[in-house]
Structure formats: structure tokens, C-alpha cells
Amino acid sequence: HIFAIASDAYRLMLQNREDQSILCTGESGAGKTENTKKVIQYLAYIAAAPRSSQRSSGSGVNQY
């Protein structure tokens, strides 16, 4: 699921202090652009959330 992948990338970025990448591939018309927009929106959302709410909900996936 795209939100689980984004959440893992964000968590690992914070945990390991290393850059992370997410590559969206697929056929023409498969939804790459829309899914990329959703990933960016989700990352902006969890990055802006207070740290305590991220910890209490686990990965943050269920908050979105």
C-alpha cells in the first residue's frame, strides 16, 4: 500500500538519519502521478504532525 511504503520511508529516514527514495513505476495510465501526489500529501501531513501523536499511533498510517 502506498501509505505504508511512505510511512516506512519516513520512519527509516528519521531513525537512520539517511535519505530515502520512493520510485513509482507502471504502465501509462496506471496512476503513477496520482499516487505520487498522494504520497507527497501524506508525507507533508505526517511531517507536520506533532511527534507525540506519531508515536502513539504507531506508523501514522491510520491517521490519514
Protein backbone atom coordinates (compact mmCIF):
# COMPACT_ATOMS: atom_id res chain seq x y z
CA HIS A 1 0.00 0.00 0.00
CA ILE A 2 1.43 3.39 -0.92
CA PHE A 3 0.83 4.90 2.53
CA ALA A 4 2.62 2.02 4.27
CA ILE A 5 5.60 2.45 1.95
CA ALA A 6 5.65 6.21 2.53
CA SER A 7 5.33 5.72 6.28
CA ASP A 8 8.21 3.22 6.33
CA ALA A 9 10.41 5.54 4.27
CA TYR A 10 9.68 8.46 6.60
CA ARG A 11 10.27 6.36 9.73
CA LEU A 12 13.56 4.98 8.38
CA MET A 13 14.67 8.47 7.37
CA LEU A 14 14.20 9.67 10.94
CA GLN A 15 15.54 6.50 12.56
CA ASN A 16 18.67 6.08 10.41
CA ARG A 17 19.18 9.73 9.50
CA GLU A 18 19.57 8.69 5.85
CA ASP A 19 17.87 9.92 2.72
CA GLN A 20 15.06 7.74 1.36
CA SER A 21 13.56 7.43 -2.13
CA ILE A 22 10.24 6.14 -3.40
CA LEU A 23 10.05 5.14 -7.06
CA CYS A 24 6.61 4.96 -8.69
CA THR A 25 6.63 2.91 -11.89
CA GLY A 26 3.99 1.40 -14.11
CA GLU A 27 2.18 1.44 -17.41
CA SER A 28 0.78 4.59 -18.95
CA GLY A 29 -2.47 5.47 -17.20
CA ALA A 30 -1.75 3.25 -14.18
CA GLY A 31 -1.99 6.14 -11.69
CA LYS A 32 1.67 6.98 -11.08
CA THR A 33 1.07 10.73 -10.99
CA GLU A 34 -1.97 10.48 -8.71
CA ASN A 35 -0.22 8.08 -6.34
CA THR A 36 2.85 10.33 -6.26
CA LYS A 37 0.60 13.26 -5.32
CA LYS A 38 -0.94 11.17 -2.53
CA VAL A 39 2.49 10.14 -1.21
CA ILE A 40 3.68 13.77 -1.16
CA GLN A 41 0.48 14.89 0.58
CA TYR A 42 0.81 12.09 3.14
CA LEU A 43 4.48 12.85 3.84
CA ALA A 44 3.64 16.53 4.33
CA TYR A 45 0.85 15.53 6.71
CA ILE A 46 2.93 13.22 8.91
CA ALA A 47 5.92 15.56 8.87
CA ALA A 48 3.72 18.37 10.20
CA ALA A 49 2.06 16.21 12.89
CA PRO A 50 3.31 16.62 16.45
CA ARG A 51 5.84 13.94 17.39
CA SER A 52 3.75 12.62 20.28
CA SER A 53 0.78 11.81 18.02
CA GLN A 54 3.05 9.95 15.59
CA ARG A 55 4.45 7.79 18.36
CA SER A 56 1.10 6.99 19.93
CA SER A 57 -0.45 5.80 16.69
CA GLY A 58 2.42 3.65 15.52
CA SER A 59 3.29 4.36 11.90
CA GLY A 60 0.72 7.12 11.43
CA VAL A 61 -0.92 5.26 8.55
CA ASN A 62 -4.30 5.05 10.28
CA GLN A 63 -4.42 8.79 10.92
CA TYR A 64 -4.61 9.78 7.26
